[in-house]
Amino acid sequence: MNNQPLADRLRPNSFSEIAGQRHLVGENGIIKKLTDAGRIPNMIFYGPPGTGKTTIANIIAKASDMQLYKLNATTASLADVKEVIASTSNIFSERGTLLYLDEIQYFNKKQQQSLLEFMENGSITLIASTTENPYFCVYNALLSRSSVFEFKSVSGDDCIPTLHRAINLLNEDFGTKVAVSDDILRAIANACGGDVRMSIGILENAYYISAGEITEDTVRGLIPSVVGHFDRNGDVHYDLLSCLQKSIRGSDPDAAVFYLAKLLANGDILSICRRLMVIASEDIGCAYPMAPVITRACCENAKDIGLPEAVIPLANAVCILATAPKSNSAYMAYHKAHEDMEKGFGIEIPEHLRSPLFKGYKYPHEYKNHYVKQDYLPHDLIGKHYYEFGSNKTEQTAKAYYDMIRAEANKA
């Protein structure tokens, strides 16, 4: 009996054997074209686990005749990287050294910055992989020197050939003829959310408990109850939160409640609460000023009582936000102002607003309607408008008052 993990025994040796990722390694795939051309740039692979990142790095190294070294950032340090460089300095390798660094998100900024030296002097060609969005977890200078490639979840149909190879190898190992239909293989793959490695593991377990044929009853207890990948620090997690926010922003309470259920199925409360409080100010904003207050109350309630009852106040918050009037006027006003600030405008603030003398400042409460006309923006921004009233009832009411007090001040 071979004790090597079945998934490792089935690991492809060529791009044509890879399950899925046709956009990368298919006949017109960009990674295949680069490899065929002998052009191996620094690369960052990101996507769900079990989608072929390590396997493709192995194939690139073999095809390019580069010396391959592997490190995992969960346990490795910069000293390990330097050790790889030192160990290869005396080894003749015409095409150079390829360093595969898995889970690069676990390297801090300083560690990631230190890799630049070795990338720029040609000591290594780096392929880094992560299950998280690299634009959130990888240092910008490293990103700018690398080509970024997204790995996608493998479809059930794309998984089937690999699972057929798995069952054939098991039958060959044990001299059996255990059968399994494509429908069962597809169900296993779909339940694993496109993770080929997990699919192989479930099929292998099903093989050992089957009686000549792997059926729906055989795999029922082996298939995960929550479909798809879920990593609270990973990409799919942020995708679900994004779906929740976009559904609320789009005033679709049905979709919003569905994504809330997906997130809560994995026991997550804190990130949901944070996102809902952002939504209350970013997407509802001035159209319904009580939204942040109500949302915070619902979120605090949910955290106090915990699951499963926490679903009740969170569902309330989601439905209230989804059906509330929408406005991003304040959010957009901030970004316009921030843009001018970054361009260097408004460096010198008005003299009448400066402490300690506030020379020439007019105290609005001493005037009618608690308003007096005076400039508050720096001199190079006078007359600039960042905030535009939304068309909703609340902001239009505020606009009517805003216009009235200014009109009366102009008459005085």
Protein backbone atom coordinates (compact mmCIF):
# COMPACT_ATOMS: atom_id res chain seq x y z
CA MET A 1 0.00 0.00 0.00
CA ASN A 2 1.31 3.43 -0.99
CA ASN A 3 1.27 5.81 2.02
CA GLN A 4 1.79 8.92 -0.10
CA PRO A 5 -1.34 11.13 -0.01
CA LEU A 6 -3.58 10.37 -2.97
CA ALA A 7 -3.77 14.05 -3.97
CA ASP A 8 0.04 14.18 -4.23
CA ARG A 9 0.14 11.02 -6.33
CA LEU A 10 -2.38 12.59 -8.71
CA ARG A 11 -0.56 15.92 -8.95
CA PRO A 12 -0.35 16.87 -12.66
CA ASN A 13 3.00 16.97 -14.45
CA SER A 14 1.85 19.14 -17.36
CA PHE A 15 -0.50 22.05 -17.96
CA SER A 16 -2.85 19.81 -19.95
CA GLU A 17 -3.55 17.69 -16.85
CA ILE A 18 -4.57 20.68 -14.67
CA ALA A 19 -8.22 20.69 -13.60
CA GLY A 20 -9.68 24.07 -14.57
CA GLN A 21 -7.63 27.29 -14.89
CA ARG A 22 -7.95 27.24 -18.69
CA HIS A 23 -7.59 31.04 -18.69
CA LEU A 24 -4.08 30.54 -17.27
CA VAL A 25 -2.76 27.23 -18.61
CA GLY A 26 -5.10 26.29 -21.45
CA GLU A 27 -3.96 26.47 -25.07
CA ASN A 28 -4.31 30.26 -25.02
CA GLY A 29 -3.61 30.68 -21.29
CA ILE A 30 -1.27 33.51 -20.39
CA ILE A 31 0.96 31.45 -18.04
CA LYS A 32 1.33 28.71 -20.66
CA LYS A 33 2.27 31.29 -23.29
CA LEU A 34 4.85 32.91 -21.00
CA THR A 35 6.36 29.54 -20.11
CA ASP A 36 6.47 28.41 -23.75
CA ALA A 37 8.24 31.67 -24.60
CA GLY A 38 10.82 31.09 -21.86
CA ARG A 39 9.69 34.24 -20.08
CA ILE A 40 9.26 33.59 -16.34
CA PRO A 41 8.50 36.87 -14.52
CA ASN A 42 8.00 37.30 -10.80
CA MET A 43 4.43 36.16 -10.19
CA ILE A 44 1.74 36.25 -7.53
CA PHE A 45 -0.90 33.53 -7.59
CA TYR A 46 -4.09 34.13 -5.63
CA GLY A 47 -7.28 32.18 -5.27
CA PRO A 48 -9.03 29.52 -3.18
CA PRO A 49 -7.10 26.52 -1.81
CA GLY A 50 -6.87 23.36 -3.86
CA THR A 51 -7.01 25.10 -7.25
CA GLY A 52 -3.53 24.27 -8.53
CA LYS A 53 -1.25 27.13 -7.44
CA THR A 54 1.56 24.91 -6.13
CA THR A 55 1.17 22.42 -8.98
CA ILE A 56 1.49 25.10 -11.65
CA ALA A 57 4.61 26.49 -9.94
CA ASN A 58 6.12 22.99 -10.08
CA ILE A 59 5.33 22.68 -13.80
CA ILE A 60 6.79 26.13 -14.55
CA ALA A 61 10.02 25.21 -12.76
CA LYS A 62 10.30 21.93 -14.65
CA ALA A 63 9.50 23.48 -18.03
CA SER A 64 11.94 26.36 -17.53
CA ASP A 65 14.72 24.20 -16.11
CA MET A 66 14.95 26.46 -13.06
CA GLN A 67 16.09 25.27 -9.65
CA LEU A 68 12.92 25.20 -7.49
CA TYR A 69 12.84 25.90 -3.75
CA LYS A 70 9.68 25.99 -1.68
CA LEU A 71 8.97 27.88 1.53
CA ASN A 72 5.78 28.44 3.49
CA ALA A 73 5.45 31.89 5.05
CA THR A 74 3.51 30.48 8.01
CA THR A 75 6.73 28.91 9.30
CA ALA A 76 9.53 30.48 7.24
CA SER A 77 11.48 33.64 7.99
CA LEU A 78 13.71 35.98 6.03
CA ALA A 79 16.65 33.92 7.29
CA ASP A 80 15.22 30.93 5.40
CA VAL A 81 15.08 33.01 2.21
CA LYS A 82 18.72 34.05 2.69
CA GLU A 83 19.65 30.41 3.30
CA VAL A 84 18.07 29.48 -0.04
CA ILE A 85 20.08 32.23 -1.75
CA ALA A 86 23.31 31.08 -0.06
CA SER A 87 22.71 27.43 -0.94
CA THR A 88 22.14 28.23 -4.60
CA SER A 89 25.04 30.66 -5.05
CA ASN A 90 27.46 27.82 -5.72
CA ILE A 91 25.05 25.70 -7.76
CA PHE A 92 25.27 26.03 -11.51
CA SER A 93 21.81 26.74 -12.85
CA GLU A 94 21.72 28.29 -16.29
CA ARG A 95 18.13 29.46 -15.94
CA GLY A 96 18.36 30.62 -12.31
CA THR A 97 16.49 29.93 -9.08
CA LEU A 98 12.72 29.87 -8.67
CA LEU A 99 11.49 30.46 -5.11
CA TYR A 100 7.91 29.40 -4.44
CA LEU A 101 6.65 31.19 -1.31
CA ASP A 102 3.29 29.88 -0.17
CA GLU A 103 0.91 31.95 2.02
CA ILE A 104 2.87 35.17 1.50
CA GLN A 105 0.24 37.08 3.50
CA TYR A 106 1.94 35.77 6.64
CA PHE A 107 5.10 37.73 5.84
CA ASN A 108 4.93 41.18 7.40
CA LYS A 109 5.72 44.37 5.45
CA LYS A 110 9.39 44.38 6.43
CA GLN A 111 9.85 40.75 5.38
CA GLN A 112 8.11 41.38 2.07
CA GLN A 113 10.22 44.49 1.44
CA SER A 114 13.37 42.45 2.02
CA LEU A 115 12.42 40.12 -0.84
CA LEU A 116 12.77 43.04 -3.27
CA GLU A 117 16.55 43.02 -2.97
CA PHE A 118 16.78 39.43 -4.16
CA MET A 119 14.21 39.95 -6.92
CA GLU A 120 15.95 43.05 -8.28
CA ASN A 121 19.48 41.66 -8.28
CA GLY A 122 18.33 38.50 -10.05
CA SER A 123 19.13 36.12 -7.19
CA ILE A 124 15.64 34.64 -7.40
CA THR A 125 12.52 34.63 -9.50
CA LEU A 126 9.62 34.72 -7.05
CA ILE A 127 6.29 32.98 -7.30
CA ALA A 128 4.24 33.86 -4.24
CA SER A 129 0.81 32.41 -3.54
CA THR A 130 -2.03 33.48 -1.27
CA THR A 131 -5.67 32.67 -0.66
CA GLU A 132 -6.30 36.34 0.09
CA ASN A 133 -6.66 39.36 -2.16
CA PRO A 134 -3.02 40.37 -2.88
CA TYR A 135 -4.00 44.03 -3.19
CA PHE A 136 -4.87 43.92 0.51
CA CYS A 137 -2.05 41.76 1.86
CA VAL A 138 0.97 42.14 -0.43
CA TYR A 139 3.30 45.14 -0.22
CA ASN A 140 2.77 47.58 -3.13
CA ALA A 141 6.40 47.66 -4.23
CA LEU A 142 6.40 43.87 -4.51
CA LEU A 143 3.11 43.93 -6.44
CA SER A 144 4.52 46.45 -8.91
CA ARG A 145 7.39 44.09 -9.73
CA SER A 146 5.18 41.05 -10.22
CA SER A 147 2.51 39.74 -12.55
CA VAL A 148 -0.67 38.88 -10.64
CA PHE A 149 -2.76 35.87 -11.68
CA GLU A 150 -6.14 34.90 -10.26
CA PHE A 151 -6.95 31.22 -9.77
CA LYS A 152 -10.64 30.38 -9.87
CA SER A 153 -12.63 27.66 -8.14
CA VAL A 154 -12.73 24.55 -10.29
CA SER A 155 -16.15 23.60 -11.64
CA GLY A 156 -17.64 20.20 -10.90
CA ASP A 157 -17.33 19.17 -14.56
CA ASP A 158 -13.66 20.17 -14.67
CA CYS A 159 -13.02 18.10 -11.53
CA ILE A 160 -14.52 14.90 -12.89
CA PRO A 161 -11.47 13.70 -14.97
CA THR A 162 -9.19 14.07 -11.94
CA LEU A 163 -11.64 12.19 -9.72
CA HIS A 164 -11.86 9.42 -12.32
CA ARG A 165 -8.07 9.12 -12.17
CA ALA A 166 -8.34 8.94 -8.38
CA ILE A 167 -10.87 6.10 -8.30
CA ASN A 168 -8.93 4.20 -10.98
CA LEU A 169 -5.73 4.51 -8.96
CA LEU A 170 -7.46 3.26 -5.80
CA ASN A 171 -8.94 0.30 -7.68
CA GLU A 172 -5.50 -0.47 -9.08
CA ASP A 173 -3.87 -0.26 -5.63
CA PHE A 174 -6.34 -2.65 -4.01
CA GLY A 175 -7.34 -4.80 -6.96
CA THR A 176 -10.99 -3.72 -6.70
CA LYS A 177 -13.65 -2.49 -9.11
CA VAL A 178 -15.48 0.10 -7.05
CA ALA A 179 -17.78 2.12 -9.34
CA VAL A 180 -18.95 5.72 -9.11
CA SER A 181 -21.12 7.77 -11.46
CA ASP A 182 -20.26 11.17 -12.92
CA ASP A 183 -23.25 12.61 -11.06
CA ILE A 184 -21.80 11.55 -7.70
CA LEU A 185 -18.35 12.86 -8.66
CA ARG A 186 -19.89 16.17 -9.72
CA ALA A 187 -21.82 16.39 -6.43
CA ILE A 188 -18.60 15.83 -4.45
CA ALA A 189 -16.74 18.48 -6.43
CA ASN A 190 -19.56 21.02 -6.18
CA ALA A 191 -19.90 20.44 -2.43
CA CYS A 192 -16.20 21.19 -2.03
CA GLY A 193 -16.59 24.54 -3.77
CA GLY A 194 -14.03 23.81 -6.46
CA ASP A 195 -11.26 22.57 -4.13
CA VAL A 196 -9.78 19.65 -6.07
CA ARG A 197 -7.67 18.44 -3.15
CA MET A 198 -10.67 18.33 -0.82
CA SER A 199 -12.72 16.53 -3.48
CA ILE A 200 -10.05 13.82 -3.78
CA GLY A 201 -10.01 13.43 0.01
CA ILE A 202 -13.77 12.94 0.20
CA LEU A 203 -13.73 10.47 -2.70
CA GLU A 204 -10.94 8.50 -1.04
CA ASN A 205 -12.87 8.26 2.24
CA ALA A 206 -16.00 7.23 0.32
CA TYR A 207 -14.00 4.49 -1.42
CA TYR A 208 -12.98 2.91 1.89
CA ILE A 209 -16.55 2.74 3.23
CA SER A 210 -18.25 1.72 -0.02
CA ALA A 211 -19.56 -1.74 -0.83
CA GLY A 212 -18.64 -2.03 -4.49
CA GLU A 213 -20.22 1.27 -5.52
CA ILE A 214 -20.01 4.82 -4.21
CA THR A 215 -23.56 6.12 -3.94
CA GLU A 216 -25.31 9.23 -2.66
CA ASP A 217 -25.78 7.51 0.70
CA THR A 218 -22.04 6.74 0.83
CA VAL A 219 -20.98 10.37 0.50
CA ARG A 220 -23.84 12.07 2.37
CA GLY A 221 -22.04 12.13 5.71
CA LEU A 222 -18.71 13.09 4.13
CA ILE A 223 -19.81 16.17 2.18
CA PRO A 224 -19.44 19.52 4.00
CA SER A 225 -22.73 21.00 5.23
CA VAL A 226 -21.61 24.50 4.26
CA VAL A 227 -20.89 24.66 0.54
CA GLY A 228 -17.86 26.58 -0.67
CA HIS A 229 -14.69 27.98 0.82
CA PHE A 230 -14.91 30.22 3.82
CA ASP A 231 -11.87 31.84 5.35
CA ARG A 232 -12.59 34.75 7.65
CA ASN A 233 -9.39 36.39 6.49
CA GLY A 234 -9.67 35.23 2.91
CA ASP A 235 -11.02 36.36 -0.43
CA VAL A 236 -14.33 34.48 -0.37
CA HIS A 237 -15.16 36.07 2.97
CA TYR A 238 -14.72 39.53 1.50
CA ASP A 239 -16.69 38.51 -1.59
CA LEU A 240 -19.68 37.59 0.59
CA LEU A 241 -19.44 40.84 2.53
CA SER A 242 -19.25 42.70 -0.77
CA CYS A 243 -22.35 40.86 -2.01
CA LEU A 244 -24.15 41.82 1.19
CA GLN A 245 -23.25 45.50 0.79
CA LYS A 246 -24.08 45.65 -2.91
CA SER A 247 -27.46 43.99 -2.31
CA ILE A 248 -28.32 46.51 0.42
CA ARG A 249 -27.06 49.39 -1.75
CA GLY A 250 -29.25 48.04 -4.57
CA SER A 251 -32.32 48.01 -2.26
CA ASP A 252 -32.75 44.23 -2.61
CA PRO A 253 -33.72 42.87 0.85
CA ASP A 254 -34.11 39.30 -0.48
CA ALA A 255 -30.54 39.06 -1.77
CA ALA A 256 -29.21 40.90 1.30
CA VAL A 257 -30.84 38.42 3.69
CA PHE A 258 -29.50 35.50 1.64
CA TYR A 259 -25.89 36.73 1.92
CA LEU A 260 -26.44 37.42 5.61
CA ALA A 261 -27.47 33.77 5.99
CA LYS A 262 -24.35 32.62 4.09
CA LEU A 263 -22.11 34.62 6.42
CA LEU A 264 -23.92 33.57 9.59
CA ALA A 265 -23.80 29.89 8.60
CA ASN A 266 -20.09 30.11 9.37
CA GLY A 267 -20.54 31.69 12.78
CA ASP A 268 -19.32 35.13 11.77
CA ILE A 269 -20.87 38.11 13.60
CA LEU A 270 -18.16 40.73 14.10
CA SER A 271 -17.28 41.35 10.45
CA ILE A 272 -20.99 41.50 9.56
CA CYS A 273 -21.55 44.14 12.22
CA ARG A 274 -18.59 46.18 11.02
CA ARG A 275 -19.80 46.05 7.43
CA LEU A 276 -23.39 46.95 8.33
CA MET A 277 -22.22 50.01 10.26
CA VAL A 278 -20.16 51.09 7.24
CA ILE A 279 -23.18 50.60 4.97
CA ALA A 280 -25.40 52.68 7.25
CA SER A 281 -23.15 55.70 6.74
CA GLU A 282 -21.78 55.06 3.25
CA ASP A 283 -24.91 53.99 1.38
CA ILE A 284 -27.85 55.29 3.42
CA GLY A 285 -26.09 58.29 4.92
CA CYS A 286 -27.91 61.62 4.98
CA ALA A 287 -31.06 60.11 3.44
CA TYR A 288 -31.90 58.47 6.78
CA PRO A 289 -29.66 59.86 9.55
CA MET A 290 -31.02 57.38 12.12
CA ALA A 291 -29.66 54.42 10.13
CA PRO A 292 -26.27 54.31 11.91
CA VAL A 293 -27.97 54.55 15.32
CA ILE A 294 -30.43 51.74 14.60
CA THR A 295 -27.73 49.59 12.97
CA ARG A 296 -25.40 49.97 15.93
CA ALA A 297 -28.20 49.03 18.33
CA CYS A 298 -28.98 45.89 16.30
CA CYS A 299 -25.30 44.94 16.09
CA GLU A 300 -24.67 45.43 19.82
CA ASN A 301 -27.80 43.38 20.51
CA ALA A 302 -26.51 40.59 18.25
CA LYS A 303 -23.10 40.53 19.93
CA ASP A 304 -24.69 40.49 23.39
CA ILE A 305 -27.04 37.57 22.77
CA GLY A 306 -24.84 35.57 20.37
CA LEU A 307 -25.89 32.89 17.92
CA PRO A 308 -28.36 31.51 17.08
CA GLU A 309 -30.66 34.33 18.28
CA ALA A 310 -28.25 36.97 16.92
CA VAL A 311 -29.72 36.35 13.48
CA ILE A 312 -32.88 38.24 14.54
CA PRO A 313 -31.43 41.73 15.18
CA LEU A 314 -29.00 41.32 12.27
CA ALA A 315 -31.84 40.41 9.91
CA ASN A 316 -33.70 43.48 11.19
CA ALA A 317 -30.72 45.71 10.45
CA VAL A 318 -30.24 44.23 6.97
CA CYS A 319 -33.89 44.66 5.99
CA ILE A 320 -34.09 48.19 7.41
CA LEU A 321 -30.97 49.23 5.50
CA ALA A 322 -32.01 47.52 2.27
CA THR A 323 -35.41 49.22 2.23
CA ALA A 324 -34.24 52.64 3.46
CA PRO A 325 -33.74 55.59 1.08
CA LYS A 326 -30.16 55.76 -0.22
CA SER A 327 -27.60 58.54 -0.44
CA ASN A 328 -23.83 58.60 -0.75
CA SER A 329 -23.65 62.41 -0.86
CA ALA A 330 -21.56 62.77 2.31
CA TYR A 331 -19.25 59.93 1.30
CA MET A 332 -18.67 61.48 -2.13
CA ALA A 333 -18.18 64.95 -0.61
CA TYR A 334 -15.37 63.58 1.55
CA HIS A 335 -13.58 61.96 -1.39
CA LYS A 336 -13.76 65.15 -3.46
CA ALA A 337 -12.30 67.13 -0.55
CA HIS A 338 -9.62 64.50 0.05
CA GLU A 339 -8.66 64.63 -3.61
CA ASP A 340 -8.07 68.40 -3.43
CA MET A 341 -6.11 67.99 -0.20
CA GLU A 342 -3.82 65.42 -1.87
CA LYS A 343 -3.28 67.80 -4.78
CA GLY A 344 -1.84 70.32 -2.32
CA PHE A 345 -4.76 72.75 -2.07
CA GLY A 346 -5.76 74.42 1.18
CA ILE A 347 -2.41 74.36 2.94
CA GLU A 348 -2.97 77.75 4.60
CA ILE A 349 -6.16 77.94 6.65
CA PRO A 350 -8.06 81.27 6.92
CA GLU A 351 -6.71 83.74 9.45
CA HIS A 352 -10.08 84.24 11.17
CA LEU A 353 -10.24 80.50 11.98
CA ARG A 354 -6.77 80.33 13.54
CA SER A 355 -6.24 80.28 17.28
CA PRO A 356 -5.63 82.00 19.57
CA LEU A 357 -6.92 85.34 18.24
CA PHE A 358 -9.47 84.25 15.57
CA LYS A 359 -9.04 87.74 14.13
CA GLY A 360 -12.14 88.77 12.18
CA TYR A 361 -14.19 85.66 13.04
CA LYS A 362 -17.98 86.13 13.16
CA TYR A 363 -19.86 84.06 15.76
CA PRO A 364 -22.91 82.61 13.89
CA HIS A 365 -25.11 82.31 17.01
CA GLU A 366 -25.15 86.10 17.29
CA TYR A 367 -26.93 86.40 13.94
CA LYS A 368 -30.42 85.67 12.63
CA ASN A 369 -31.07 81.97 11.99
CA HIS A 370 -27.66 81.33 13.64
CA TYR A 371 -26.03 82.03 10.31
CA VAL A 372 -23.71 84.71 8.92
CA LYS A 373 -21.96 84.73 5.59
CA GLN A 374 -18.20 84.27 5.86
CA ASP A 375 -15.53 82.13 4.21
CA TYR A 376 -14.40 78.93 5.90
CA LEU A 377 -12.40 77.27 3.12
CA PRO A 378 -8.75 78.20 2.50
CA HIS A 379 -8.35 81.06 0.03
CA ASP A 380 -7.38 78.80 -2.90
CA LEU A 381 -10.58 76.76 -2.49
CA ILE A 382 -13.14 79.53 -1.95
CA GLY A 383 -16.27 78.82 -3.94
CA LYS A 384 -15.51 75.09 -4.23
CA HIS A 385 -18.49 72.76 -3.56
CA TYR A 386 -17.97 69.20 -2.37
CA TYR A 387 -21.34 68.31 -0.90
CA GLU A 388 -24.32 67.98 -3.25
CA PHE A 389 -27.72 67.44 -1.66
CA GLY A 390 -29.31 64.11 -2.48
CA SER A 391 -32.77 63.92 -4.03
CA ASN A 392 -34.29 62.14 -1.01
CA LYS A 393 -36.82 63.84 1.28
CA THR A 394 -34.45 64.31 4.24
CA GLU A 395 -31.71 66.02 2.25
CA GLN A 396 -34.16 68.10 0.24
CA THR A 397 -35.67 69.36 3.51
CA ALA A 398 -32.18 70.26 4.69
CA LYS A 399 -31.50 71.96 1.35
CA ALA A 400 -34.62 74.08 1.67
CA TYR A 401 -33.45 75.31 5.08
CA TYR A 402 -29.89 75.78 3.77
CA ASP A 403 -31.13 77.91 0.85
CA MET A 404 -33.46 79.91 3.09
CA ILE A 405 -30.88 81.04 5.66
CA ARG A 406 -28.44 82.03 2.95
CA ALA A 407 -31.08 83.95 1.03
CA GLU A 408 -32.07 85.86 4.14
CA ALA A 409 -28.43 86.62 4.99
CA ASN A 410 -27.90 88.02 1.50
CA LYS A 411 -30.88 90.40 1.96
CA ALA A 412 -29.46 91.79 5.20
